[in-house]
Amino acid sequence: MVAQNRSLCSIAPMEINWRHNIRWRDLLQGGQHRARHFARSLRDVIYPPACATCGLPIAGHGGLCANCWRSVRFIERPYCEVLGLPFSYDPGPGMLSAEAIADPPPFDRLRSVATHDGAVRDLVHRLKYGDRTDLAPMMARWMLRAGKEAMAEADAIVPVPLHRWRLFSRQYNQSAELGRSLSLLSGKPMVSSVLVRVKRTQKQVGLTAKGRAENVKGAFKVLERRRDEVLGRRLVLIDDVYTTGATVNAASRALKRAGAAEVTVLTFAMALADTISA
């Protein structure tokens, strides 16, 4: 009986200490939650939530007002399974567009969030030219939804690189900003220095489709010492806008030459004249 009491006495302090630790942990977690709530409230006072494009007040950060939201034309199925071009009607599962059949791209598939007009165009321009890197997390959330199947199977994320002199003048790469946010959201690693731009090209704006292709021909290369990070891997290539495909085509060829098993192109916007028929 005495031995049993001693055993109980020896357990009791351990039990009290364990409960004491749990209580302190709960208090700390509650304090952290209140601190985060206070920080968000303070941020909302200093920087009130506003539409990411027009600046009108909205309920929370990282969103659009009703008018800007209505201008977004999301690209949803039915679309070409390779080029991601939206069809004007549903031709059936797995259907390819005439463009994909006549001129197959070097990448395996392309997915984009929405067409390059309205609020989407404004977001792209603000991120690219307006120093609004704070928009990248919101845009990346939409991209994750658009490319959810490819992202789930991907081994790594590769942003389309800028030439070092353009990066020096701009101070940041908009594709890398999107890729970094996608990496945080998806848990997939971003390998930003695997693919490099070895040719200083002129800006693509204003060039014809043929001129764009010539401009970026041979512009990209996978570093020899980093080929192991590409060989046999399924990669998601990130860019802000898909127009003629010249840039992502050239980048995809470089990745495929280095042994990539699969390349999915994921962009925020796609420049379209209109939907296409099968």
C-alpha atoms as a PDB file:
ATOM      1  CA  MET A   1       0.000   0.000   0.000  1.00  0.00           C
ATOM      2  CA  VAL A   2       2.854   2.342   0.916  1.00  0.00           C
ATOM      3  CA  ALA A   3       4.629   1.490  -2.353  1.00  0.00           C
ATOM      4  CA  GLN A   4       1.454   2.248  -4.278  1.00  0.00           C
ATOM      5  CA  ASN A   5       1.082   5.659  -2.591  1.00  0.00           C
ATOM      6  CA  ARG A   6       4.703   6.486  -3.369  1.00  0.00           C
ATOM      7  CA  SER A   7       4.066   5.601  -7.002  1.00  0.00           C
ATOM      8  CA  LEU A   8       1.045   7.888  -7.103  1.00  0.00           C
ATOM      9  CA  CYS A   9       2.998  10.687  -5.447  1.00  0.00           C
ATOM     10  CA  SER A  10       5.755  10.372  -8.047  1.00  0.00           C
ATOM     11  CA  ILE A  11       3.275  10.561 -10.943  1.00  0.00           C
ATOM     12  CA  ALA A  12       1.284  13.497  -9.623  1.00  0.00           C
ATOM     13  CA  PRO A  13       3.975  16.205 -10.137  1.00  0.00           C
ATOM     14  CA  MET A  14       4.540  14.966 -13.717  1.00  0.00           C
ATOM     15  CA  GLU A  15       0.817  15.149 -14.389  1.00  0.00           C
ATOM     16  CA  ILE A  16       0.582  18.666 -12.949  1.00  0.00           C
ATOM     17  CA  ASN A  17       3.599  19.797 -14.986  1.00  0.00           C
ATOM     18  CA  TRP A  18       2.085  18.354 -18.176  1.00  0.00           C
ATOM     19  CA  ARG A  19      -1.197  20.194 -17.621  1.00  0.00           C
ATOM     20  CA  HIS A  20       0.731  23.345 -16.755  1.00  0.00           C
ATOM     21  CA  ASN A  21       2.612  23.149 -20.100  1.00  0.00           C
ATOM     22  CA  ILE A  22      -0.604  22.644 -22.033  1.00  0.00           C
ATOM     23  CA  ARG A  23      -2.153  25.688 -20.342  1.00  0.00           C
ATOM     24  CA  TRP A  24       0.859  27.852 -21.211  1.00  0.00           C
ATOM     25  CA  ARG A  25       0.850  26.557 -24.805  1.00  0.00           C
ATOM     26  CA  ASP A  26      -2.843  27.438 -25.170  1.00  0.00           C
ATOM     27  CA  LEU A  27      -2.188  30.900 -23.756  1.00  0.00           C
ATOM     28  CA  LEU A  28       0.716  31.448 -26.149  1.00  0.00           C
ATOM     29  CA  GLN A  29      -1.319  30.285 -29.138  1.00  0.00           C
ATOM     30  CA  GLY A  30      -4.181  32.532 -28.118  1.00  0.00           C
ATOM     31  CA  GLY A  31      -1.774  35.450 -27.780  1.00  0.00           C
ATOM     32  CA  GLN A  32      -0.319  34.800 -31.232  1.00  0.00           C
ATOM     33  CA  HIS A  33      -3.809  34.666 -32.730  1.00  0.00           C
ATOM     34  CA  ARG A  34      -4.749  37.966 -31.077  1.00  0.00           C
ATOM     35  CA  ALA A  35      -1.479  39.535 -32.258  1.00  0.00           C
ATOM     36  CA  ARG A  36      -2.142  38.477 -35.855  1.00  0.00           C
ATOM     37  CA  HIS A  37      -5.705  39.786 -35.642  1.00  0.00           C
ATOM     38  CA  PHE A  38      -4.433  43.098 -34.262  1.00  0.00           C
ATOM     39  CA  ALA A  39      -1.795  43.337 -37.026  1.00  0.00           C
ATOM     40  CA  ARG A  40      -4.435  42.713 -39.710  1.00  0.00           C
ATOM     41  CA  SER A  41      -6.763  45.284 -38.158  1.00  0.00           C
ATOM     42  CA  LEU A  42      -3.948  47.844 -37.997  1.00  0.00           C
ATOM     43  CA  ARG A  43      -3.048  47.129 -41.634  1.00  0.00           C
ATOM     44  CA  ASP A  44      -6.681  47.632 -42.661  1.00  0.00           C
ATOM     45  CA  VAL A  45      -6.715  51.020 -40.912  1.00  0.00           C
ATOM     46  CA  ILE A  46      -3.447  52.175 -42.525  1.00  0.00           C
ATOM     47  CA  TYR A  47      -4.097  50.496 -45.893  1.00  0.00           C
ATOM     48  CA  PRO A  48      -7.872  49.993 -46.269  1.00  0.00           C
ATOM     49  CA  PRO A  49      -8.854  47.039 -48.486  1.00  0.00           C
ATOM     50  CA  ALA A  50      -9.250  48.185 -52.083  1.00  0.00           C
ATOM     51  CA  CYS A  51      -9.862  46.636 -55.483  1.00  0.00           C
ATOM     52  CA  ALA A  52      -6.527  45.523 -56.963  1.00  0.00           C
ATOM     53  CA  THR A  53      -7.278  47.279 -60.256  1.00  0.00           C
ATOM     54  CA  CYS A  54      -9.526  50.318 -59.806  1.00  0.00           C
ATOM     55  CA  GLY A  55      -8.891  51.047 -56.112  1.00  0.00           C
ATOM     56  CA  LEU A  56     -12.521  51.086 -54.959  1.00  0.00           C
ATOM     57  CA  PRO A  57     -13.073  49.996 -51.320  1.00  0.00           C
ATOM     58  CA  ILE A  58     -13.867  46.283 -50.912  1.00  0.00           C
ATOM     59  CA  ALA A  59     -14.365  43.891 -47.991  1.00  0.00           C
ATOM     60  CA  GLY A  60     -10.870  42.386 -47.878  1.00  0.00           C
ATOM     61  CA  HIS A  61      -7.366  42.590 -49.329  1.00  0.00           C
ATOM     62  CA  GLY A  62      -6.354  40.715 -52.468  1.00  0.00           C
ATOM     63  CA  GLY A  63      -9.584  40.922 -54.441  1.00  0.00           C
ATOM     64  CA  LEU A  64     -11.561  42.825 -57.051  1.00  0.00           C
ATOM     65  CA  CYS A  65     -14.685  44.952 -56.873  1.00  0.00           C
ATOM     66  CA  ALA A  66     -17.880  43.706 -58.520  1.00  0.00           C
ATOM     67  CA  ASN A  67     -17.402  45.762 -61.707  1.00  0.00           C
ATOM     68  CA  CYS A  68     -13.807  44.638 -62.251  1.00  0.00           C
ATOM     69  CA  TRP A  69     -14.710  41.035 -61.441  1.00  0.00           C
ATOM     70  CA  ARG A  70     -17.394  41.071 -64.153  1.00  0.00           C
ATOM     71  CA  SER A  71     -14.736  42.044 -66.728  1.00  0.00           C
ATOM     72  CA  VAL A  72     -12.713  38.869 -66.074  1.00  0.00           C
ATOM     73  CA  ARG A  73     -13.204  36.180 -68.722  1.00  0.00           C
ATOM     74  CA  PHE A  74     -11.976  32.990 -67.072  1.00  0.00           C
ATOM     75  CA  ILE A  75     -10.806  30.222 -69.395  1.00  0.00           C
ATOM     76  CA  GLU A  76     -12.764  27.126 -68.448  1.00  0.00           C
ATOM     77  CA  ARG A  77     -13.454  23.856 -70.236  1.00  0.00           C
ATOM     78  CA  PRO A  78     -14.212  23.161 -73.015  1.00  0.00           C
ATOM     79  CA  TYR A  79     -10.785  24.080 -74.343  1.00  0.00           C
ATOM     80  CA  CYS A  80      -7.985  22.526 -76.384  1.00  0.00           C
ATOM     81  CA  GLU A  81      -6.194  20.036 -74.146  1.00  0.00           C
ATOM     82  CA  VAL A  82      -2.797  21.100 -75.526  1.00  0.00           C
ATOM     83  CA  LEU A  83      -2.971  24.857 -76.183  1.00  0.00           C
ATOM     84  CA  GLY A  84      -5.712  25.650 -73.670  1.00  0.00           C
ATOM     85  CA  LEU A  85      -7.609  27.685 -76.299  1.00  0.00           C
ATOM     86  CA  PRO A  86     -11.283  27.949 -75.344  1.00  0.00           C
ATOM     87  CA  PHE A  87     -13.818  26.402 -77.716  1.00  0.00           C
ATOM     88  CA  SER A  88     -17.074  28.172 -78.552  1.00  0.00           C
ATOM     89  CA  TYR A  89     -18.915  24.853 -78.008  1.00  0.00           C
ATOM     90  CA  ASP A  90     -18.111  21.489 -76.443  1.00  0.00           C
ATOM     91  CA  PRO A  91     -16.612  19.136 -79.079  1.00  0.00           C
ATOM     92  CA  GLY A  92     -16.106  16.324 -76.549  1.00  0.00           C
ATOM     93  CA  PRO A  93     -13.346  15.293 -74.130  1.00  0.00           C
ATOM     94  CA  GLY A  94      -9.706  15.350 -75.237  1.00  0.00           C
ATOM     95  CA  MET A  95     -10.370  17.429 -78.363  1.00  0.00           C
ATOM     96  CA  LEU A  96      -7.482  19.399 -79.872  1.00  0.00           C
ATOM     97  CA  SER A  97      -7.662  22.685 -81.736  1.00  0.00           C
ATOM     98  CA  ALA A  98      -6.658  23.006 -85.377  1.00  0.00           C
ATOM     99  CA  GLU A  99      -3.629  25.059 -84.278  1.00  0.00           C
ATOM    100  CA  ALA A 100      -2.373  22.304 -81.977  1.00  0.00           C
ATOM    101  CA  ILE A 101      -2.754  19.676 -84.712  1.00  0.00           C
ATOM    102  CA  ALA A 102      -1.175  21.739 -87.505  1.00  0.00           C
ATOM    103  CA  ASP A 103       1.722  23.103 -85.447  1.00  0.00           C
ATOM    104  CA  PRO A 104       2.295  21.080 -82.235  1.00  0.00           C
ATOM    105  CA  PRO A 105       4.093  23.145 -79.577  1.00  0.00           C
ATOM    106  CA  PRO A 106       7.317  22.017 -77.866  1.00  0.00           C
ATOM    107  CA  PHE A 107       5.553  21.976 -74.484  1.00  0.00           C
ATOM    108  CA  ASP A 108       3.015  19.356 -73.397  1.00  0.00           C
ATOM    109  CA  ARG A 109       0.153  21.623 -72.405  1.00  0.00           C
ATOM    110  CA  LEU A 110      -0.743  25.244 -71.721  1.00  0.00           C
ATOM    111  CA  ARG A 111      -3.094  26.539 -69.052  1.00  0.00           C
ATOM    112  CA  SER A 112      -4.073  30.159 -68.426  1.00  0.00           C
ATOM    113  CA  VAL A 113      -6.357  31.811 -65.903  1.00  0.00           C
ATOM    114  CA  ALA A 114      -8.213  34.256 -68.154  1.00  0.00           C
ATOM    115  CA  THR A 115      -8.122  36.237 -71.374  1.00  0.00           C
ATOM    116  CA  HIS A 116      -5.824  39.261 -71.536  1.00  0.00           C
ATOM    117  CA  ASP A 117      -8.389  42.039 -71.303  1.00  0.00           C
ATOM    118  CA  GLY A 118     -10.263  44.123 -68.742  1.00  0.00           C
ATOM    119  CA  ALA A 119      -9.105  43.759 -65.138  1.00  0.00           C
ATOM    120  CA  VAL A 120      -6.760  40.889 -66.056  1.00  0.00           C
ATOM    121  CA  ARG A 121      -4.779  43.111 -68.432  1.00  0.00           C
ATOM    122  CA  ASP A 122      -4.616  45.815 -65.748  1.00  0.00           C
ATOM    123  CA  LEU A 123      -3.274  43.322 -63.189  1.00  0.00           C
ATOM    124  CA  VAL A 124      -0.590  42.119 -65.602  1.00  0.00           C
ATOM    125  CA  HIS A 125       0.514  45.675 -66.395  1.00  0.00           C
ATOM    126  CA  ARG A 126       0.577  46.700 -62.733  1.00  0.00           C
ATOM    127  CA  LEU A 127       2.686  43.680 -61.807  1.00  0.00           C
ATOM    128  CA  LYS A 128       5.016  43.979 -64.797  1.00  0.00           C
ATOM    129  CA  TYR A 129       5.470  47.728 -65.134  1.00  0.00           C
ATOM    130  CA  GLY A 130       3.959  49.273 -62.008  1.00  0.00           C
ATOM    131  CA  ASP A 131       6.212  47.695 -59.368  1.00  0.00           C
ATOM    132  CA  ARG A 132       3.156  46.008 -57.822  1.00  0.00           C
ATOM    133  CA  THR A 133       4.782  42.768 -56.701  1.00  0.00           C
ATOM    134  CA  ASP A 134       2.188  42.638 -53.911  1.00  0.00           C
ATOM    135  CA  LEU A 135      -0.315  41.447 -56.542  1.00  0.00           C
ATOM    136  CA  ALA A 136       1.629  38.226 -57.193  1.00  0.00           C
ATOM    137  CA  PRO A 137       0.094  36.154 -54.326  1.00  0.00           C
ATOM    138  CA  MET A 138      -3.474  36.910 -55.454  1.00  0.00           C
ATOM    139  CA  MET A 139      -2.644  36.182 -59.108  1.00  0.00           C
ATOM    140  CA  ALA A 140      -0.820  32.979 -58.114  1.00  0.00           C
ATOM    141  CA  ARG A 141      -3.924  31.695 -56.278  1.00  0.00           C
ATOM    142  CA  TRP A 142      -5.897  31.982 -59.502  1.00  0.00           C
ATOM    143  CA  MET A 143      -3.065  30.300 -61.440  1.00  0.00           C
ATOM    144  CA  LEU A 144      -2.981  27.403 -58.989  1.00  0.00           C
ATOM    145  CA  ARG A 145      -6.662  26.787 -59.662  1.00  0.00           C
ATOM    146  CA  ALA A 146      -6.194  26.989 -63.456  1.00  0.00           C
ATOM    147  CA  GLY A 147      -3.264  24.571 -63.421  1.00  0.00           C
ATOM    148  CA  LYS A 148      -4.258  22.381 -60.483  1.00  0.00           C
ATOM    149  CA  GLU A 149      -3.813  19.058 -62.321  1.00  0.00           C
ATOM    150  CA  ALA A 150      -0.346  19.888 -63.658  1.00  0.00           C
ATOM    151  CA  MET A 151       0.710  21.462 -60.355  1.00  0.00           C
ATOM    152  CA  ALA A 152      -0.327  18.351 -58.438  1.00  0.00           C
ATOM    153  CA  GLU A 153       1.954  16.173 -60.606  1.00  0.00           C
ATOM    154  CA  ALA A 154       4.815  18.657 -61.014  1.00  0.00           C
ATOM    155  CA  ASP A 155       8.299  18.129 -59.608  1.00  0.00           C
ATOM    156  CA  ALA A 156       9.328  21.781 -59.779  1.00  0.00           C
ATOM    157  CA  ILE A 157       8.390  25.287 -60.924  1.00  0.00           C
ATOM    158  CA  VAL A 158      10.556  27.185 -63.436  1.00  0.00           C
ATOM    159  CA  PRO A 159       9.907  30.897 -64.113  1.00  0.00           C
ATOM    160  CA  VAL A 160      10.709  32.341 -67.542  1.00  0.00           C
ATOM    161  CA  PRO A 161      13.945  34.258 -66.843  1.00  0.00           C
ATOM    162  CA  LEU A 162      14.874  37.815 -67.784  1.00  0.00           C
ATOM    163  CA  HIS A 163      18.247  38.709 -69.225  1.00  0.00           C
ATOM    164  CA  ARG A 164      20.551  39.955 -66.461  1.00  0.00           C
ATOM    165  CA  TRP A 165      20.606  43.522 -67.839  1.00  0.00           C
ATOM    166  CA  ARG A 166      16.817  43.737 -68.033  1.00  0.00           C
ATOM    167  CA  LEU A 167      16.574  42.299 -64.539  1.00  0.00           C
ATOM    168  CA  PHE A 168      19.050  44.937 -63.362  1.00  0.00           C
ATOM    169  CA  SER A 169      16.969  47.754 -64.867  1.00  0.00           C
ATOM    170  CA  ARG A 170      13.590  46.398 -63.701  1.00  0.00           C
ATOM    171  CA  GLN A 171      14.868  45.115 -60.322  1.00  0.00           C
ATOM    172  CA  TYR A 172      12.550  42.103 -60.349  1.00  0.00           C
ATOM    173  CA  ASN A 173      11.209  39.383 -62.641  1.00  0.00           C
ATOM    174  CA  GLN A 174       7.405  39.280 -62.689  1.00  0.00           C
ATOM    175  CA  SER A 175       7.417  35.586 -63.684  1.00  0.00           C
ATOM    176  CA  ALA A 176       9.667  34.758 -60.728  1.00  0.00           C
ATOM    177  CA  GLU A 177       7.345  36.698 -58.394  1.00  0.00           C
ATOM    178  CA  LEU A 178       4.410  34.595 -59.606  1.00  0.00           C
ATOM    179  CA  GLY A 179       6.492  31.415 -59.363  1.00  0.00           C
ATOM    180  CA  ARG A 180       7.602  32.202 -55.819  1.00  0.00           C
ATOM    181  CA  SER A 181       4.006  32.704 -54.686  1.00  0.00           C
ATOM    182  CA  LEU A 182       2.931  29.504 -56.464  1.00  0.00           C
ATOM    183  CA  SER A 183       5.720  27.626 -54.716  1.00  0.00           C
ATOM    184  CA  LEU A 184       4.502  28.821 -51.314  1.00  0.00           C
ATOM    185  CA  LEU A 185       0.894  27.924 -52.119  1.00  0.00           C
ATOM    186  CA  SER A 186       1.584  24.511 -53.641  1.00  0.00           C
ATOM    187  CA  GLY A 187       4.631  23.356 -51.691  1.00  0.00           C
ATOM    188  CA  LYS A 188       6.455  22.659 -54.969  1.00  0.00           C
ATOM    189  CA  PRO A 189      10.062  23.911 -55.190  1.00  0.00           C
ATOM    190  CA  MET A 190      10.941  26.768 -57.539  1.00  0.00           C
ATOM    191  CA  VAL A 191      14.238  26.326 -59.399  1.00  0.00           C
ATOM    192  CA  SER A 192      14.803  29.862 -60.635  1.00  0.00           C
ATOM    193  CA  SER A 193      18.424  29.666 -61.759  1.00  0.00           C
ATOM    194  CA  VAL A 194      18.233  26.436 -63.778  1.00  0.00           C
ATOM    195  CA  LEU A 195      17.010  28.160 -66.955  1.00  0.00           C
ATOM    196  CA  VAL A 196      18.887  31.305 -67.992  1.00  0.00           C
ATOM    197  CA  ARG A 197      18.436  33.874 -70.737  1.00  0.00           C
ATOM    198  CA  VAL A 198      21.734  33.980 -72.611  1.00  0.00           C
ATOM    199  CA  LYS A 199      20.632  36.312 -75.407  1.00  0.00           C
ATOM    200  CA  ARG A 200      19.750  39.947 -74.830  1.00  0.00           C
ATOM    201  CA  THR A 201      16.559  40.262 -76.865  1.00  0.00           C
ATOM    202  CA  GLN A 202      14.567  43.349 -77.764  1.00  0.00           C
ATOM    203  CA  LYS A 203      11.106  43.800 -76.284  1.00  0.00           C
ATOM    204  CA  GLN A 204       8.451  41.607 -77.868  1.00  0.00           C
ATOM    205  CA  VAL A 205       5.791  44.344 -77.856  1.00  0.00           C
ATOM    206  CA  GLY A 206       5.112  45.563 -81.404  1.00  0.00           C
ATOM    207  CA  LEU A 207       6.755  42.597 -83.152  1.00  0.00           C
ATOM    208  CA  THR A 208       4.933  40.241 -85.509  1.00  0.00           C
ATOM    209  CA  ALA A 209       4.554  36.572 -84.596  1.00  0.00           C
ATOM    210  CA  LYS A 210       7.472  35.715 -86.902  1.00  0.00           C
ATOM    211  CA  GLY A 211       9.522  38.580 -85.480  1.00  0.00           C
ATOM    212  CA  ARG A 212       8.858  37.419 -81.928  1.00  0.00           C
ATOM    213  CA  ALA A 213       9.989  33.876 -82.757  1.00  0.00           C
ATOM    214  CA  GLU A 214      13.211  35.149 -84.364  1.00  0.00           C
ATOM    215  CA  ASN A 215      13.809  37.511 -81.464  1.00  0.00           C
ATOM    216  CA  VAL A 216      13.888  34.730 -78.838  1.00  0.00           C
ATOM    217  CA  LYS A 217      15.464  32.017 -80.985  1.00  0.00           C
ATOM    218  CA  GLY A 218      18.337  30.503 -78.971  1.00  0.00           C
ATOM    219  CA  ALA A 219      17.675  32.922 -76.099  1.00  0.00           C
ATOM    220  CA  PHE A 220      17.400  30.286 -73.356  1.00  0.00           C
ATOM    221  CA  LYS A 221      19.739  27.661 -71.976  1.00  0.00           C
ATOM    222  CA  VAL A 222      19.789  25.198 -69.082  1.00  0.00           C
ATOM    223  CA  LEU A 223      23.018  25.524 -67.118  1.00  0.00           C
ATOM    224  CA  GLU A 224      25.174  22.425 -67.517  1.00  0.00           C
ATOM    225  CA  ARG A 225      25.824  22.168 -63.779  1.00  0.00           C
ATOM    226  CA  ARG A 226      22.056  22.235 -63.087  1.00  0.00           C
ATOM    227  CA  ARG A 227      20.920  19.686 -65.700  1.00  0.00           C
ATOM    228  CA  ASP A 228      20.245  17.093 -62.993  1.00  0.00           C
ATOM    229  CA  GLU A 229      17.417  19.311 -61.729  1.00  0.00           C
ATOM    230  CA  VAL A 230      15.730  19.099 -65.144  1.00  0.00           C
ATOM    231  CA  LEU A 231      16.530  15.576 -66.376  1.00  0.00           C
ATOM    232  CA  GLY A 232      13.471  13.326 -66.205  1.00  0.00           C
ATOM    233  CA  ARG A 233      11.416  15.845 -64.240  1.00  0.00           C
ATOM    234  CA  ARG A 234       7.925  17.226 -64.780  1.00  0.00           C
ATOM    235  CA  LEU A 235       8.195  20.992 -64.833  1.00  0.00           C
ATOM    236  CA  VAL A 236       5.719  23.874 -64.778  1.00  0.00           C
ATOM    237  CA  LEU A 237       7.015  26.871 -66.731  1.00  0.00           C
ATOM    238  CA  ILE A 238       5.626  30.167 -65.420  1.00  0.00           C
ATOM    239  CA  ASP A 239       5.008  33.378 -67.376  1.00  0.00           C
ATOM    240  CA  ASP A 240       2.637  36.301 -66.984  1.00  0.00           C
ATOM    241  CA  VAL A 241       1.056  36.367 -70.469  1.00  0.00           C
ATOM    242  CA  TYR A 242       0.788  33.976 -73.396  1.00  0.00           C
ATOM    243  CA  THR A 243       0.564  35.855 -76.699  1.00  0.00           C
ATOM    244  CA  THR A 244       2.038  34.154 -79.786  1.00  0.00           C
ATOM    245  CA  GLY A 245       3.869  31.564 -77.693  1.00  0.00           C
ATOM    246  CA  ALA A 246       7.322  32.559 -78.963  1.00  0.00           C
ATOM    247  CA  THR A 247       8.878  33.045 -75.518  1.00  0.00           C
ATOM    248  CA  VAL A 248       7.510  29.923 -73.828  1.00  0.00           C
ATOM    249  CA  ASN A 249       8.211  27.863 -76.964  1.00  0.00           C
ATOM    250  CA  ALA A 250      11.881  28.839 -76.883  1.00  0.00           C
ATOM    251  CA  ALA A 251      12.102  28.232 -73.127  1.00  0.00           C
ATOM    252  CA  SER A 252      10.315  24.864 -73.434  1.00  0.00           C
ATOM    253  CA  ARG A 253      12.706  23.709 -76.149  1.00  0.00           C
ATOM    254  CA  ALA A 254      15.669  24.467 -73.887  1.00  0.00           C
ATOM    255  CA  LEU A 255      14.098  22.471 -71.047  1.00  0.00           C
ATOM    256  CA  LYS A 256      13.231  19.534 -73.318  1.00  0.00           C
ATOM    257  CA  ARG A 257      16.772  19.510 -74.779  1.00  0.00           C
ATOM    258  CA  ALA A 258      18.076  19.236 -71.221  1.00  0.00           C
ATOM    259  CA  GLY A 259      15.941  16.130 -70.679  1.00  0.00           C
ATOM    260  CA  ALA A 260      12.746  17.385 -69.035  1.00  0.00           C
ATOM    261  CA  ALA A 261      10.140  14.625 -69.084  1.00  0.00           C
ATOM    262  CA  GLU A 262       7.224  17.047 -69.300  1.00  0.00           C
ATOM    263  CA  VAL A 263       6.746  20.814 -69.568  1.00  0.00           C
ATOM    264  CA  THR A 264       3.447  22.484 -68.705  1.00  0.00           C
ATOM    265  CA  VAL A 265       3.178  26.208 -69.404  1.00  0.00           C
ATOM    266  CA  LEU A 266       1.107  28.099 -66.836  1.00  0.00           C
ATOM    267  CA  THR A 267       0.328  31.791 -67.369  1.00  0.00           C
ATOM    268  CA  PHE A 268      -1.957  34.301 -65.731  1.00  0.00           C
ATOM    269  CA  ALA A 269      -3.351  35.679 -68.995  1.00  0.00           C
ATOM    270  CA  MET A 270      -3.787  34.578 -72.607  1.00  0.00           C
ATOM    271  CA  ALA A 271      -4.106  37.038 -75.476  1.00  0.00           C
ATOM    272  CA  LEU A 272      -7.043  35.972 -77.660  1.00  0.00           C
ATOM    273  CA  ALA A 273      -8.979  37.510 -80.507  1.00  0.00           C
ATOM    274  CA  ASP A 274     -11.965  35.423 -79.436  1.00  0.00           C
ATOM    275  CA  THR A 275     -12.939  31.852 -78.731  1.00  0.00           C
ATOM    276  CA  ILE A 276     -12.272  29.342 -81.497  1.00  0.00           C
ATOM    277  CA  SER A 277     -14.212  26.520 -83.050  1.00  0.00           C
ATOM    278  CA  ALA A 278     -12.873  22.992 -83.241  1.00  0.00           C
END
